[in-house]
C-alpha cells in the first residue's frame, strides 16, 4: 500500500517557490516575474454535486505564489448504505483572482490529496483540470484500486510550453474542475467504498502554484 504524503503549509510554500523560480519563460512573451502584492481571490460560482454553496473556500498564500482551495463535502461512495447518485461527484469552482492589469498568471503545477477506502475488486478515479473561460481544461485522471485504505496524493507538473496563461487585457475567470468516481466492480456490495477531497486530516490540501508575467 502506498503511504500518503503529508504536506504542511510550510512545505507547500517551498514547493511554490521552487516551481515558480525553476520554470522557464516558455513561449514567446515577457519573462517570468515575481507576483504582485495584495492579490486576492473571490469564488464567483460553484457547480456540481460535490461542492454545494458554502462548502468550498479559496485563498492566496505565500506572497501570491500559491492558490489554495478547500472542500468540505466532496466525496464519492459506492456500496454499503450509499445510494446510486453517490458514486460520482463533480465540482467546478469559478474563481476571480484580483490582479493588477499589468500582470497575467498561470497555474504552473498543482497538488491534490485526500483519503480513500477501497475494497478488493473496486476502484476510484480522480479527474482534475484547470483552465480559463472558453478554454477546455486538460484533464488528468488518476486511479486508486483496492485494497486501499490510506491517504492519497497526486501532483501535476505540466511541461512549461503547455501551461495555459490568462490572456492579457481580458476579464477571464479561472476554472478548477474535479470529479470523483467510485466503481464498485466485483467488491462486496455490503461494504462501503469511499474517496474524498475533504479535509479529514491536516495533510489534505489542494494547492495550485502560480507563475506570473507582465503584460505588454
Protein backbone atom coordinates (compact mmCIF):
# COMPACT_ATOMS: atom_id res chain seq x y z
CA UNK A 1 0.00 0.00 0.00
CA UNK A 2 1.36 3.39 -0.91
CA UNK A 3 1.68 5.69 2.04
CA UNK A 4 0.06 9.10 1.65
CA UNK A 5 2.22 12.19 1.61
CA UNK A 6 1.55 14.66 4.43
CA UNK A 7 2.32 18.18 3.28
CA UNK A 8 2.49 21.09 5.67
CA UNK A 9 1.75 24.69 4.73
CA UNK A 10 5.48 25.46 5.06
CA UNK A 11 6.35 22.63 2.68
CA UNK A 12 3.74 23.82 0.22
CA UNK A 13 5.25 27.30 0.27
CA UNK A 14 8.65 25.81 -0.53
CA UNK A 15 7.13 23.88 -3.44
CA UNK A 16 5.60 27.06 -4.78
CA UNK A 17 8.91 28.93 -4.64
CA UNK A 18 10.69 26.06 -6.40
CA UNK A 19 8.07 25.67 -9.10
CA UNK A 20 7.99 29.39 -9.87
CA UNK A 21 11.71 30.02 -9.84
CA UNK A 22 12.61 26.90 -11.83
CA UNK A 23 10.04 27.32 -14.60
CA UNK A 24 11.38 28.66 -17.92
CA UNK A 25 9.74 31.61 -19.63
CA UNK A 26 8.30 29.20 -22.19
CA UNK A 27 6.63 30.53 -25.31
CA UNK A 28 7.03 33.99 -26.73
CA UNK A 29 6.25 36.81 -24.34
CA UNK A 30 7.68 38.58 -21.31
CA UNK A 31 9.81 36.62 -18.86
CA UNK A 32 8.51 35.33 -15.57
CA UNK A 33 8.41 37.86 -12.76
CA UNK A 34 7.61 37.99 -9.07
CA UNK A 35 3.88 38.12 -8.41
CA UNK A 36 2.28 41.43 -7.41
CA UNK A 37 1.46 42.24 -3.81
CA UNK A 38 -2.08 42.21 -2.48
CA UNK A 39 -3.58 39.59 -4.80
CA UNK A 40 -6.93 38.27 -3.53
CA UNK A 41 -9.38 35.68 -4.80
CA UNK A 42 -13.18 35.50 -4.90
CA UNK A 43 -15.36 32.48 -5.60
CA UNK A 44 -17.65 33.58 -8.43
CA UNK A 45 -19.66 30.36 -8.75
CA UNK A 46 -19.79 26.71 -7.73
CA UNK A 47 -21.27 23.99 -9.95
CA UNK A 48 -21.72 20.30 -9.23
CA UNK A 49 -22.89 17.81 -6.65
CA UNK A 50 -19.55 17.78 -4.84
CA UNK A 51 -19.44 21.42 -3.80
CA UNK A 52 -22.77 22.88 -2.65
CA UNK A 53 -22.77 26.58 -1.79
CA UNK A 54 -20.94 27.26 1.46
CA UNK A 55 -18.79 24.13 1.30
CA UNK A 56 -15.75 25.47 -0.58
CA UNK A 57 -13.10 28.08 0.20
CA UNK A 58 -10.21 29.68 -1.68
CA UNK A 59 -7.26 31.82 -0.58
CA UNK A 60 -3.96 33.21 -1.83
CA UNK A 61 -0.81 32.17 0.05
CA UNK A 62 2.91 32.87 0.11
CA UNK A 63 3.11 36.36 -1.42
CA UNK A 64 0.94 35.48 -4.44
CA UNK A 65 2.90 32.30 -5.21
CA UNK A 66 0.07 29.89 -4.44
CA UNK A 67 -3.68 29.41 -4.62
CA UNK A 68 -5.33 27.11 -2.09
CA UNK A 69 -8.80 25.57 -2.48
CA UNK A 70 -10.52 23.54 0.24
CA UNK A 71 -13.68 21.39 0.09
CA UNK A 72 -15.92 20.38 2.97
CA UNK A 73 -18.39 17.93 1.42
CA UNK A 74 -16.68 16.50 -1.64
CA UNK A 75 -16.70 12.68 -1.58
CA UNK A 76 -17.99 9.77 -3.68
CA UNK A 77 -19.27 6.44 -2.31
CA UNK A 78 -20.45 3.07 -3.52
CA UNK A 79 -21.72 0.00 -1.70
CA UNK A 80 -22.87 -0.22 1.90
CA UNK A 81 -25.59 2.32 2.71
CA UNK A 82 -24.79 4.58 -0.25
CA UNK A 83 -27.31 5.34 -2.99
CA UNK A 84 -26.60 5.28 -6.77
CA UNK A 85 -26.05 9.06 -7.21
CA UNK A 86 -23.29 8.91 -4.60
CA UNK A 87 -20.89 7.02 -6.87
CA UNK A 88 -19.96 10.13 -8.89
CA UNK A 89 -19.45 13.66 -7.57
CA UNK A 90 -18.29 16.67 -9.56
CA UNK A 91 -17.29 20.23 -8.86
CA UNK A 92 -16.37 23.27 -10.92
CA UNK A 93 -15.05 26.21 -8.94
CA UNK A 94 -15.06 29.52 -10.82
CA UNK A 95 -12.54 31.93 -9.33
CA UNK A 96 -11.70 35.58 -9.92
CA UNK A 97 -8.16 36.50 -8.98
CA UNK A 98 -7.97 40.23 -8.33
CA UNK A 99 -4.74 41.10 -10.13
CA UNK A 100 -3.27 44.44 -11.35
CA UNK A 101 -3.94 44.84 -15.07
CA UNK A 102 -0.23 44.88 -15.91
CA UNK A 103 0.13 41.26 -14.76
CA UNK A 104 -1.07 37.90 -16.01
CA UNK A 105 -0.78 34.48 -14.38
CA UNK A 106 -0.95 30.73 -14.94
CA UNK A 107 -1.05 27.60 -12.80
CA UNK A 108 2.39 26.07 -13.19
CA UNK A 109 1.77 22.94 -11.11
CA UNK A 110 -0.73 21.52 -8.63
CA UNK A 111 -1.01 19.22 -5.65
CA UNK A 112 -4.20 17.42 -4.54
CA UNK A 113 -4.73 15.00 -1.68
CA UNK A 114 -7.45 13.23 0.29
CA UNK A 115 -8.44 9.89 1.75
CA UNK A 116 -9.79 6.69 0.19
CA UNK A 117 -11.09 3.36 1.49
CA UNK A 118 -11.43 1.00 -1.48
CA UNK A 119 -12.21 -2.73 -1.16
CA UNK A 120 -10.73 -5.54 -3.26
CA UNK A 121 -12.36 -5.58 -6.70
CA UNK A 122 -13.34 -1.88 -6.60
CA UNK A 123 -11.57 1.24 -7.82
CA UNK A 124 -11.90 5.00 -7.66
CA UNK A 125 -10.86 7.67 -10.13
CA UNK A 126 -9.90 11.28 -9.55
CA UNK A 127 -10.15 13.59 -12.57
CA UNK A 128 -8.61 17.05 -12.21
CA UNK A 129 -8.29 20.04 -14.51
CA UNK A 130 -7.90 23.82 -14.56
CA UNK A 131 -8.15 26.45 -17.26
CA UNK A 132 -9.72 29.79 -18.13
CA UNK A 133 -13.11 30.58 -19.60
CA UNK A 134 -13.70 29.34 -23.16
CA UNK A 135 -10.65 27.03 -22.95
CA UNK A 136 -11.40 23.34 -22.26
CA UNK A 137 -9.39 22.16 -19.25
CA UNK A 138 -6.75 19.49 -19.98
CA UNK A 139 -7.98 16.84 -17.55
CA UNK A 140 -5.60 14.49 -15.75
CA UNK A 141 -7.04 11.23 -14.38
CA UNK A 142 -5.65 9.16 -11.51
CA UNK A 143 -6.84 5.75 -10.30
CA UNK A 144 -6.93 4.28 -6.80
CA UNK A 145 -7.51 0.50 -6.80
CA UNK A 146 -8.45 -1.76 -3.90
CA UNK A 147 -7.48 -2.93 -1.46
CA UNK A 148 -6.56 0.60 -0.32
CA UNK A 149 -7.26 2.43 2.95
CA UNK A 150 -4.96 5.42 3.26
CA UNK A 151 -4.27 8.99 2.23
CA UNK A 152 -3.80 9.61 -1.48
CA UNK A 153 -1.90 12.43 -3.15
CA UNK A 154 -1.34 13.44 -6.78
CA UNK A 155 0.87 16.11 -8.29
CA UNK A 156 0.58 17.59 -11.77
CA UNK A 157 3.68 19.23 -13.28
CA UNK A 158 2.86 20.02 -16.92
CA UNK A 159 5.63 21.00 -19.37
CA UNK A 160 6.26 24.74 -19.47
CA UNK A 161 5.09 25.00 -23.10
CA UNK A 162 1.67 23.51 -22.22
CA UNK A 163 0.86 25.91 -19.37
CA UNK A 164 -2.28 27.96 -20.05
CA UNK A 165 -1.92 31.70 -19.32
CA UNK A 166 -4.75 34.11 -18.65
CA UNK A 167 -4.95 36.34 -21.75
CA UNK A 168 -3.69 39.87 -21.07
CA UNK A 169 -6.39 42.53 -21.12
CA UNK A 170 -9.25 40.02 -20.85
CA UNK A 171 -11.52 39.66 -17.85
CA UNK A 172 -11.50 35.86 -17.68
CA UNK A 173 -12.09 33.74 -14.60
CA UNK A 174 -10.10 30.70 -13.57
CA UNK A 175 -11.99 27.40 -13.59
CA UNK A 176 -10.91 24.42 -11.48
CA UNK A 177 -12.75 21.19 -12.27
CA UNK A 178 -12.69 17.99 -10.22
CA UNK A 179 -14.53 14.67 -10.46
CA UNK A 180 -14.57 11.72 -8.08
CA UNK A 181 -15.98 8.36 -9.19
CA UNK A 182 -16.21 5.02 -7.39
CA UNK A 183 -16.67 1.81 -9.39
CA UNK A 184 -17.88 -0.97 -7.10
CA UNK A 185 -16.72 -3.64 -9.57
CA UNK A 186 -16.63 -7.10 -8.05
CA UNK A 187 -16.32 -5.92 -4.44
CA UNK A 188 -18.75 -6.98 -1.71
CA UNK A 189 -21.84 -4.71 -2.17
CA UNK A 190 -22.39 -4.65 1.59
CA UNK A 191 -19.06 -2.88 2.13
CA UNK A 192 -18.58 0.83 1.57
CA UNK A 193 -16.06 2.17 -0.95
CA UNK A 194 -15.16 5.82 -0.42
CA UNK A 195 -12.91 8.53 -1.85
CA UNK A 196 -12.89 12.13 -0.74
CA UNK A 197 -11.22 15.50 -1.21
CA UNK A 198 -12.47 16.64 2.18
CA UNK A 199 -10.14 17.92 4.95
CA UNK A 200 -10.27 14.73 7.05
CA UNK A 201 -6.70 15.42 8.18
CA UNK A 202 -4.37 18.41 8.33
CA UNK A 203 -2.42 16.87 5.44
CA UNK A 204 -5.31 17.02 2.95
CA UNK A 205 -4.87 20.09 0.78
CA UNK A 206 -5.34 21.36 -2.76
CA UNK A 207 -2.57 23.75 -3.83
CA UNK A 208 -2.06 25.47 -7.18
CA UNK A 209 1.35 27.10 -7.76
CA UNK A 210 1.10 30.41 -9.59
CA UNK A 211 3.51 31.75 -12.21
CA UNK A 212 3.44 35.42 -13.24
CA UNK A 213 4.32 37.56 -16.26
CA UNK A 214 3.90 41.23 -17.08
CA UNK A 215 1.52 42.24 -19.86
CA UNK A 216 2.59 44.43 -22.78
